[in-house]
Amino acid sequence: MFRLTRQRDPRAVWWSLLGLVIPVGIVGVLLGLVVGPLWTWLPIGIVLGLLGAVNVFSRRVQKTAYAEMEGQPGAAAGIIERMRGDWRLTPAVAVNRNQDVVHRVVCRAGVVIIAEGRGRGQRDLLGTEVRRVRKVVGETPIHDIVIGSGPGEVPLPKLRLTLMRLPRTLRRGEVDPLARRLRAVSSPTLPIPKGPIPRSIPRGGKIR
């Protein structure tokens, strides 16, 4: 992963080194000289520097992975599959010839319908799926998300945070019956349009 990230993001190494040097310089050396003794503060600075370098590099890895995935059919599904928690994903419940695709997620926030693609029909697919799901789930909350950079759309790198911020309205015991009910009335999952989906993004957005 280090070699791949360095090839696609040459500045990742320099930012990581900066994350290492600053804590070592401020905490380890500066406080060691001012407060003292140096041999006490320097190990603390090194530990903080290593943690800072790992954190910075992790963020650069995540940024590179999102940049590579953006615009590819199924990218949103790839992110949700790697999220921690109870996210019942049904990918590609609707696909059109322009490679617009709609995914369905059942979670404690209710039902989330996510549309992504390169064409202009993703909102039509989204609306059709929302109406179909509404007939099944009744008053259960339904959230719709369009992946993109336009007004009212959610950029792919912000999808995970957007999902995590949805209000939890269902109890844990209500999620599974709801997911089974939707599966029972759903048509077979459609294949996601062909195209390489990068798998380099860490689960949960963090390096393990």
C-alpha atoms as a PDB file:
ATOM      1  CA  MET A   1       0.000   0.000   0.000  1.00  0.00           C
ATOM      2  CA  PHE A   2       2.887   2.342   0.777  1.00  0.00           C
ATOM      3  CA  ARG A   3       4.457   1.886  -2.646  1.00  0.00           C
ATOM      4  CA  LEU A   4       1.129   2.311  -4.462  1.00  0.00           C
ATOM      5  CA  THR A   5       0.246   5.463  -2.532  1.00  0.00           C
ATOM      6  CA  ARG A   6       3.713   6.943  -3.092  1.00  0.00           C
ATOM      7  CA  GLN A   7       3.354   6.389  -6.850  1.00  0.00           C
ATOM      8  CA  ARG A   8      -0.052   8.054  -7.050  1.00  0.00           C
ATOM      9  CA  ASP A   9       0.548  10.721  -4.396  1.00  0.00           C
ATOM     10  CA  PRO A  10       4.282  11.617  -4.264  1.00  0.00           C
ATOM     11  CA  ARG A  11       3.689  14.257  -1.608  1.00  0.00           C
ATOM     12  CA  ALA A  12       2.248  11.705   0.831  1.00  0.00           C
ATOM     13  CA  VAL A  13       5.741  10.829   2.081  1.00  0.00           C
ATOM     14  CA  TRP A  14       6.682  14.473   2.660  1.00  0.00           C
ATOM     15  CA  TRP A  15       3.445  15.217   4.523  1.00  0.00           C
ATOM     16  CA  SER A  16       4.008  12.108   6.658  1.00  0.00           C
ATOM     17  CA  LEU A  17       7.566  13.220   7.448  1.00  0.00           C
ATOM     18  CA  LEU A  18       6.202  16.614   8.435  1.00  0.00           C
ATOM     19  CA  GLY A  19       3.760  14.884  10.767  1.00  0.00           C
ATOM     20  CA  LEU A  20       6.745  13.129  12.324  1.00  0.00           C
ATOM     21  CA  VAL A  21       9.138  16.085  12.570  1.00  0.00           C
ATOM     22  CA  ILE A  22       6.787  18.665  14.110  1.00  0.00           C
ATOM     23  CA  PRO A  23       5.917  16.697  17.298  1.00  0.00           C
ATOM     24  CA  VAL A  24       9.525  15.552  17.690  1.00  0.00           C
ATOM     25  CA  GLY A  25      10.783  19.123  17.297  1.00  0.00           C
ATOM     26  CA  ILE A  26       8.212  20.830  19.504  1.00  0.00           C
ATOM     27  CA  VAL A  27       7.550  18.229  22.183  1.00  0.00           C
ATOM     28  CA  GLY A  28      10.795  16.275  22.143  1.00  0.00           C
ATOM     29  CA  VAL A  29      13.461  18.890  21.522  1.00  0.00           C
ATOM     30  CA  LEU A  30      11.924  22.253  22.448  1.00  0.00           C
ATOM     31  CA  LEU A  31      10.243  21.137  25.664  1.00  0.00           C
ATOM     32  CA  GLY A  32      13.254  18.996  26.461  1.00  0.00           C
ATOM     33  CA  LEU A  33      15.532  22.027  26.301  1.00  0.00           C
ATOM     34  CA  VAL A  34      13.140  24.495  27.954  1.00  0.00           C
ATOM     35  CA  VAL A  35      11.518  22.334  30.612  1.00  0.00           C
ATOM     36  CA  GLY A  36      13.910  19.406  30.668  1.00  0.00           C
ATOM     37  CA  PRO A  37      15.271  16.941  30.985  1.00  0.00           C
ATOM     38  CA  LEU A  38      15.762  16.174  27.253  1.00  0.00           C
ATOM     39  CA  TRP A  39      15.933  12.401  27.729  1.00  0.00           C
ATOM     40  CA  THR A  40      12.397  12.451  29.187  1.00  0.00           C
ATOM     41  CA  TRP A  41      10.698  14.578  26.536  1.00  0.00           C
ATOM     42  CA  LEU A  42      12.471  13.204  23.466  1.00  0.00           C
ATOM     43  CA  PRO A  43      10.892   9.695  23.623  1.00  0.00           C
ATOM     44  CA  ILE A  44       7.477  11.301  24.122  1.00  0.00           C
ATOM     45  CA  GLY A  45       8.051  13.487  21.066  1.00  0.00           C
ATOM     46  CA  ILE A  46       9.130  10.489  18.988  1.00  0.00           C
ATOM     47  CA  VAL A  47       6.033   8.493  19.952  1.00  0.00           C
ATOM     48  CA  LEU A  48       3.757  11.453  19.150  1.00  0.00           C
ATOM     49  CA  GLY A  49       5.633  11.982  15.893  1.00  0.00           C
ATOM     50  CA  LEU A  50       5.161   8.367  14.821  1.00  0.00           C
ATOM     51  CA  LEU A  51       1.453   8.564  15.609  1.00  0.00           C
ATOM     52  CA  GLY A  52       1.205  11.808  13.656  1.00  0.00           C
ATOM     53  CA  ALA A  53       3.024  10.343  10.647  1.00  0.00           C
ATOM     54  CA  VAL A  54       0.776   7.273  10.568  1.00  0.00           C
ATOM     55  CA  ASN A  55      -2.350   9.418  10.858  1.00  0.00           C
ATOM     56  CA  VAL A  56      -1.249  11.756   8.046  1.00  0.00           C
ATOM     57  CA  PHE A  57      -0.309   8.868   5.770  1.00  0.00           C
ATOM     58  CA  SER A  58      -3.639   7.155   6.490  1.00  0.00           C
ATOM     59  CA  ARG A  59      -5.508  10.265   5.401  1.00  0.00           C
ATOM     60  CA  ARG A  60      -3.457  10.513   2.191  1.00  0.00           C
ATOM     61  CA  VAL A  61      -4.178   6.843   1.437  1.00  0.00           C
ATOM     62  CA  GLN A  62      -7.889   7.451   1.903  1.00  0.00           C
ATOM     63  CA  LYS A  63      -7.806  10.561  -0.282  1.00  0.00           C
ATOM     64  CA  THR A  64      -5.968   8.716  -3.061  1.00  0.00           C
ATOM     65  CA  ALA A  65      -8.401   5.798  -2.942  1.00  0.00           C
ATOM     66  CA  TYR A  66     -11.436   8.084  -3.138  1.00  0.00           C
ATOM     67  CA  ALA A  67      -9.932   9.984  -6.081  1.00  0.00           C
ATOM     68  CA  GLU A  68      -9.382   6.715  -7.924  1.00  0.00           C
ATOM     69  CA  MET A  69     -12.879   5.420  -7.198  1.00  0.00           C
ATOM     70  CA  GLU A  70     -14.749   8.625  -8.029  1.00  0.00           C
ATOM     71  CA  GLY A  71     -16.802   8.409 -11.205  1.00  0.00           C
ATOM     72  CA  GLN A  72     -16.681   4.606 -11.434  1.00  0.00           C
ATOM     73  CA  PRO A  73     -19.964   2.658 -11.304  1.00  0.00           C
ATOM     74  CA  GLY A  74     -20.370   0.936  -7.952  1.00  0.00           C
ATOM     75  CA  ALA A  75     -17.931   3.186  -6.094  1.00  0.00           C
ATOM     76  CA  ALA A  76     -20.509   4.111  -3.444  1.00  0.00           C
ATOM     77  CA  ALA A  77     -21.300   0.451  -2.834  1.00  0.00           C
ATOM     78  CA  GLY A  78     -17.594  -0.249  -2.414  1.00  0.00           C
ATOM     79  CA  ILE A  79     -17.362   2.359   0.342  1.00  0.00           C
ATOM     80  CA  ILE A  80     -20.452   1.118   2.191  1.00  0.00           C
ATOM     81  CA  GLU A  81     -19.212  -2.486   2.093  1.00  0.00           C
ATOM     82  CA  ARG A  82     -16.159  -1.380   4.089  1.00  0.00           C
ATOM     83  CA  MET A  83     -18.032   0.622   6.711  1.00  0.00           C
ATOM     84  CA  ARG A  84     -18.192  -0.672  10.254  1.00  0.00           C
ATOM     85  CA  GLY A  85     -21.617  -1.158  11.729  1.00  0.00           C
ATOM     86  CA  ASP A  86     -24.958  -2.638  10.703  1.00  0.00           C
ATOM     87  CA  TRP A  87     -25.383  -1.471   7.108  1.00  0.00           C
ATOM     88  CA  ARG A  88     -27.549  -3.875   5.059  1.00  0.00           C
ATOM     89  CA  LEU A  89     -26.442  -3.044   1.530  1.00  0.00           C
ATOM     90  CA  THR A  90     -28.228  -4.260  -1.593  1.00  0.00           C
ATOM     91  CA  PRO A  91     -26.111  -3.006  -4.506  1.00  0.00           C
ATOM     92  CA  ALA A  92     -27.432  -2.156  -7.960  1.00  0.00           C
ATOM     93  CA  VAL A  93     -31.160  -2.507  -7.320  1.00  0.00           C
ATOM     94  CA  ALA A  94     -31.618  -0.471 -10.502  1.00  0.00           C
ATOM     95  CA  VAL A  95     -29.297   0.169 -13.445  1.00  0.00           C
ATOM     96  CA  ASN A  96     -29.838   1.853 -16.796  1.00  0.00           C
ATOM     97  CA  ARG A  97     -27.922   1.733 -20.077  1.00  0.00           C
ATOM     98  CA  ASN A  98     -26.014   4.922 -19.204  1.00  0.00           C
ATOM     99  CA  GLN A  99     -24.433   3.094 -16.252  1.00  0.00           C
ATOM    100  CA  ASP A 100     -26.405   5.051 -13.694  1.00  0.00           C
ATOM    101  CA  VAL A 101     -26.970   2.798 -10.712  1.00  0.00           C
ATOM    102  CA  VAL A 102     -29.022   2.853  -7.520  1.00  0.00           C
ATOM    103  CA  HIS A 103     -28.126   1.044  -4.277  1.00  0.00           C
ATOM    104  CA  ARG A 104     -30.321   0.409  -1.253  1.00  0.00           C
ATOM    105  CA  VAL A 105     -29.131   0.433   2.351  1.00  0.00           C
ATOM    106  CA  VAL A 106     -31.166  -0.618   5.385  1.00  0.00           C
ATOM    107  CA  CYS A 107     -29.831   0.694   8.680  1.00  0.00           C
ATOM    108  CA  ARG A 108     -30.977   2.219  11.962  1.00  0.00           C
ATOM    109  CA  ALA A 109     -31.700   5.458  10.100  1.00  0.00           C
ATOM    110  CA  GLY A 110     -34.292   3.627   8.001  1.00  0.00           C
ATOM    111  CA  VAL A 111     -33.832   3.033   4.277  1.00  0.00           C
ATOM    112  CA  VAL A 112     -31.211   4.946   2.309  1.00  0.00           C
ATOM    113  CA  ILE A 113     -31.425   5.037  -1.485  1.00  0.00           C
ATOM    114  CA  ILE A 114     -28.157   6.069  -3.146  1.00  0.00           C
ATOM    115  CA  ALA A 115     -27.836   6.990  -6.823  1.00  0.00           C
ATOM    116  CA  GLU A 116     -24.574   7.361  -8.701  1.00  0.00           C
ATOM    117  CA  GLY A 117     -23.379   7.284 -12.279  1.00  0.00           C
ATOM    118  CA  ARG A 118     -22.105   9.158 -15.277  1.00  0.00           C
ATOM    119  CA  GLY A 119     -25.393   9.741 -17.055  1.00  0.00           C
ATOM    120  CA  ARG A 120     -28.352  12.036 -16.413  1.00  0.00           C
ATOM    121  CA  GLY A 121     -30.893   9.416 -15.476  1.00  0.00           C
ATOM    122  CA  GLN A 122     -29.754   8.714 -11.945  1.00  0.00           C
ATOM    123  CA  ARG A 123     -32.392  10.982 -10.417  1.00  0.00           C
ATOM    124  CA  ASP A 124     -35.132   9.195 -12.390  1.00  0.00           C
ATOM    125  CA  LEU A 125     -33.867   5.843 -11.120  1.00  0.00           C
ATOM    126  CA  LEU A 126     -33.714   7.269  -7.606  1.00  0.00           C
ATOM    127  CA  GLY A 127     -37.280   8.564  -7.710  1.00  0.00           C
ATOM    128  CA  THR A 128     -38.612   5.272  -9.047  1.00  0.00           C
ATOM    129  CA  GLU A 129     -36.859   3.274  -6.320  1.00  0.00           C
ATOM    130  CA  VAL A 130     -38.022   5.644  -3.555  1.00  0.00           C
ATOM    131  CA  ARG A 131     -41.646   5.254  -4.684  1.00  0.00           C
ATOM    132  CA  ARG A 132     -41.299   1.469  -4.867  1.00  0.00           C
ATOM    133  CA  VAL A 133     -39.729   1.227  -1.409  1.00  0.00           C
ATOM    134  CA  ARG A 134     -42.316   3.573   0.104  1.00  0.00           C
ATOM    135  CA  LYS A 135     -45.093   1.121  -0.796  1.00  0.00           C
ATOM    136  CA  VAL A 136     -43.311  -1.556   1.244  1.00  0.00           C
ATOM    137  CA  VAL A 137     -41.967   0.272   4.297  1.00  0.00           C
ATOM    138  CA  GLY A 138     -44.855   2.622   5.007  1.00  0.00           C
ATOM    139  CA  GLU A 139     -43.858   5.333   7.491  1.00  0.00           C
ATOM    140  CA  THR A 140     -40.272   4.134   7.915  1.00  0.00           C
ATOM    141  CA  PRO A 141     -37.903   7.038   7.107  1.00  0.00           C
ATOM    142  CA  ILE A 142     -36.432   6.985   3.593  1.00  0.00           C
ATOM    143  CA  HIS A 143     -33.331   9.042   2.794  1.00  0.00           C
ATOM    144  CA  ASP A 144     -32.204   9.658  -0.775  1.00  0.00           C
ATOM    145  CA  ILE A 145     -28.646  10.566  -1.758  1.00  0.00           C
ATOM    146  CA  VAL A 146     -27.204  11.470  -5.149  1.00  0.00           C
ATOM    147  CA  ILE A 147     -23.441  11.085  -5.473  1.00  0.00           C
ATOM    148  CA  GLY A 148     -21.833  14.025  -7.242  1.00  0.00           C
ATOM    149  CA  SER A 149     -20.487  17.530  -6.879  1.00  0.00           C
ATOM    150  CA  GLY A 150     -23.564  19.496  -7.934  1.00  0.00           C
ATOM    151  CA  PRO A 151     -26.141  21.330  -5.797  1.00  0.00           C
ATOM    152  CA  GLY A 152     -27.808  19.014  -3.317  1.00  0.00           C
ATOM    153  CA  GLU A 153     -25.425  16.166  -4.145  1.00  0.00           C
ATOM    154  CA  VAL A 154     -22.967  14.394  -1.853  1.00  0.00           C
ATOM    155  CA  PRO A 155     -19.321  14.061  -2.986  1.00  0.00           C
ATOM    156  CA  LEU A 156     -18.073  10.491  -2.822  1.00  0.00           C
ATOM    157  CA  PRO A 157     -15.435  11.246  -0.116  1.00  0.00           C
ATOM    158  CA  LYS A 158     -18.215  12.582   2.149  1.00  0.00           C
ATOM    159  CA  LEU A 159     -20.594   9.634   1.711  1.00  0.00           C
ATOM    160  CA  ARG A 160     -19.389   7.733   4.775  1.00  0.00           C
ATOM    161  CA  LEU A 161     -19.703  10.781   7.057  1.00  0.00           C
ATOM    162  CA  THR A 162     -23.125  11.629   5.602  1.00  0.00           C
ATOM    163  CA  LEU A 163     -24.420   8.141   6.376  1.00  0.00           C
ATOM    164  CA  MET A 164     -22.972   8.182   9.874  1.00  0.00           C
ATOM    165  CA  ARG A 165     -24.747  11.477  10.612  1.00  0.00           C
ATOM    166  CA  LEU A 166     -28.224  10.259   9.679  1.00  0.00           C
ATOM    167  CA  PRO A 167     -30.554  10.228  12.706  1.00  0.00           C
ATOM    168  CA  ARG A 168     -31.082   6.784  14.240  1.00  0.00           C
ATOM    169  CA  THR A 169     -34.856   6.275  14.311  1.00  0.00           C
ATOM    170  CA  LEU A 170     -35.082   2.459  14.362  1.00  0.00           C
ATOM    171  CA  ARG A 171     -34.256   0.107  17.220  1.00  0.00           C
ATOM    172  CA  ARG A 172     -31.665  -2.568  16.543  1.00  0.00           C
ATOM    173  CA  GLY A 173     -34.306  -5.275  16.482  1.00  0.00           C
ATOM    174  CA  GLU A 174     -36.257  -3.469  13.741  1.00  0.00           C
ATOM    175  CA  VAL A 175     -33.465  -3.400  11.160  1.00  0.00           C
ATOM    176  CA  ASP A 176     -33.367  -7.100  10.332  1.00  0.00           C
ATOM    177  CA  PRO A 177     -37.158  -7.558   9.802  1.00  0.00           C
ATOM    178  CA  LEU A 178     -37.180  -4.464   7.582  1.00  0.00           C
ATOM    179  CA  ALA A 179     -34.293  -5.783   5.493  1.00  0.00           C
ATOM    180  CA  ARG A 180     -36.038  -9.180   5.108  1.00  0.00           C
ATOM    181  CA  ARG A 181     -39.272  -7.513   4.064  1.00  0.00           C
ATOM    182  CA  LEU A 182     -37.517  -5.521   1.340  1.00  0.00           C
ATOM    183  CA  ARG A 183     -35.586  -8.552   0.114  1.00  0.00           C
ATOM    184  CA  ALA A 184     -38.808 -10.555  -0.135  1.00  0.00           C
ATOM    185  CA  VAL A 185     -40.400  -8.092  -2.555  1.00  0.00           C
ATOM    186  CA  SER A 186     -37.267  -7.056  -4.426  1.00  0.00           C
ATOM    187  CA  SER A 187     -36.290  -8.219  -7.861  1.00  0.00           C
ATOM    188  CA  PRO A 188     -32.932 -10.023  -8.186  1.00  0.00           C
ATOM    189  CA  THR A 189     -29.953  -7.750  -7.751  1.00  0.00           C
ATOM    190  CA  LEU A 190     -28.762  -6.360 -11.075  1.00  0.00           C
ATOM    191  CA  PRO A 191     -25.094  -6.644 -12.003  1.00  0.00           C
ATOM    192  CA  ILE A 192     -23.061  -3.506 -11.432  1.00  0.00           C
ATOM    193  CA  PRO A 193     -21.795  -2.140 -14.773  1.00  0.00           C
ATOM    194  CA  LYS A 194     -18.341  -3.352 -15.643  1.00  0.00           C
ATOM    195  CA  GLY A 195     -15.399  -1.260 -14.551  1.00  0.00           C
ATOM    196  CA  PRO A 196     -12.513  -1.657 -12.126  1.00  0.00           C
ATOM    197  CA  ILE A 197     -13.433  -0.748  -8.574  1.00  0.00           C
ATOM    198  CA  PRO A 198     -10.352   0.046  -6.465  1.00  0.00           C
ATOM    199  CA  ARG A 199     -10.139  -2.045  -3.320  1.00  0.00           C
ATOM    200  CA  SER A 200      -7.292  -0.142  -1.687  1.00  0.00           C
ATOM    201  CA  ILE A 201      -9.442   1.955   0.654  1.00  0.00           C
ATOM    202  CA  PRO A 202      -9.024   0.755   4.254  1.00  0.00           C
ATOM    203  CA  ARG A 203     -12.042  -0.601   6.096  1.00  0.00           C
ATOM    204  CA  GLY A 204     -13.624   2.196   8.059  1.00  0.00           C
ATOM    205  CA  GLY A 205     -11.242   4.659   6.397  1.00  0.00           C
ATOM    206  CA  LYS A 206      -8.371   3.692   8.713  1.00  0.00           C
ATOM    207  CA  ILE A 207      -5.204   1.691   8.315  1.00  0.00           C
ATOM    208  CA  ARG A 208      -5.271  -1.506  10.323  1.00  0.00           C
END
